Amino acid sequence: MKIVIVENPRPLTVEHYNDVANAPLSASLNSGYALAVARRTGWDAAYLDFTTSSQTPEVIAATILAERADMVLLHWVYSWGHEERVSSILDRLRLESSAPLGAFGLFPTLSRNHLLQLCPQLGFILAGEFEGTLGELLTIYGERNRITALPGVALPDEAFVPRPLMTDLNWLPVPDDVGANCGYDTLNIAASRGCYGECSFCFIHRYYGCSRRRTRDLASLERELEIRLSRRDIKNLYFIDPTFIGQGATERERAREIGRMAQRFGLPFGFETRVDSIDEELLATLAAHGATSVFLGIESGCDRVLRRIGKRIDTGQIRRAVQAVRNSGMQLNLGFIMFEPDSSLAELEENYTFLEELGLLDEHGLTANLLYHNQIVLHGSAAWERFEREGRLLVDERLPFEAQYRFRDERVALVCSAMGRLTSHYFSAMDALRQLGPATTAGCTAGCHSGYTAGSDINALLKDVFRSLCRAAHTPSPQQVERVESDYAQLLLDHLAVR
């Protein structure tokens, strides 16, 4: 029997420029794991990637049908307002084939009931950690030729029973390398799953159904590396664990062992971890073994906000962690939520001062990212439920699985909206410059205006934008914010204009 794993079309728009933030990096391995599980179960497996496809639903459906599969499984990672397009593909498949249609991944897990109602063509959804569920489902389907109720399988109009998490991650097969990942010289790999945090904005604990971290044996990790490195030329590793470094001495030694393993393969590596797992001596050791970058989700420079979002860290820990990364020589990448829904203007200004004091607003690409992010609210998340209870959820029927919200302080909402629009000009202009070649992007100053005379001044302009909007928001007139936005929009466009 044969299964085809399909990546749904998900056109990238300016509004979803950072759509990676809407799904954990572990999603990059989901299809690879599904293919490997299917083959281990005895099924043939094919893979079709329509992530960036502009083909019509009819053409996409015909391509899927040409595989003559006994089951079609969509790795559905949102559609950004294009749900009708995916639904049209499913209509065509349902019309011309009797093969069961299913979905899996973060989005189907968070929104399984709503998705089954919106897309009645779907016969089932694999909710949560799916590999064990998929293996069992395929085995039973091969015997009975029908989809049956199982733990972890959501069926229309039936009660859902969650599947217990795997106790032994060594059961997992080596995932296939498929999709966009194969176009990079960096290999994504997971040494653990889950996180012991429970931040209010995060989806990881909801996906797994708990707040804990599970690790895999290092021997299995090394075997996976050997197999996957034999498939293609790789220059770097990236550990997609939500927190690469666990808590306690044993976990720190485990991180060192993984560093030594990467060094034996001759591969530099990056990773993500929590601020409260940072240890300066450990970072120095990892850097000596080839670690080149670390991502920290610091989220806020205000202790009140950190408590509100359940981050379980404080600004003192953040300062020490940032300095430790700098001392190690590794590149620091950051997650930050400037516009938390309950923020005050004073907290925005506190955030700005914090970032400036840490020297985190010195490069325009990073500055743009740090100064514009607001909290993302997706259907099925704790935030969606909270704002719905509070009457603050703003749903656009064109986007059934994502929503805006009313800020507690309307002045913060004005600044947030203005920064969002202004940075969209920046991102669009930078994309256009990149297409012209690295020399143009490096200069970043084909046009100049009003005293901004060097490429680095884009950074100064972005910081001026933020401070000016905050000052304007303190005035009694909302129109003042609009005037500031209009003035800076023209400045930004003139400065980034390609002559």
Foldseek 3Di string as FASTA:
>chain_A
DEEEEEEDAAADDLVCVVVCQVAFPVLLQVVQLLCVLQVVLPHHYHYYYCHHPPDALVVVLVVVVVVVGLAYEYAYSARQLCVVRVLSNLVVNVVPDPRAYEYEDLQCQLCVQVVCVVRVSHAKYQAAPRSVVSSVQVNVCVVVVDGDQDARIDGPPDDHHHDQDDPAPLPGDQTDNDDPNVVDLEAEDEQKAAAQADFQQDRRCVRNVHHDMGGHDVVSVLVSCVVVCVVDHHAAYEHSYQACADDDDVSLVVSLVVLQSCLVVVHAYEYEHELVRDDLVSLLSSVVSRHAEYEYAPAFQDQVVCVVRRVPDHNVSVLVSLVSCVVSNHHYHYHYALAEQADDLVRNVSRLVSCVVSVQLQAQVSVLRHNAHHRWAFRSGSVQVVQVVVVFWADDVSRRTTTDGHRPDVLSVLLNVLSSVLVSLVVVLLVVQVVVHDVSNVFQFQFADDPQHGNSCSSVLSSVLNVLSSVQSPDPDSVSNVVSSVVSSVRNCRRSPHD
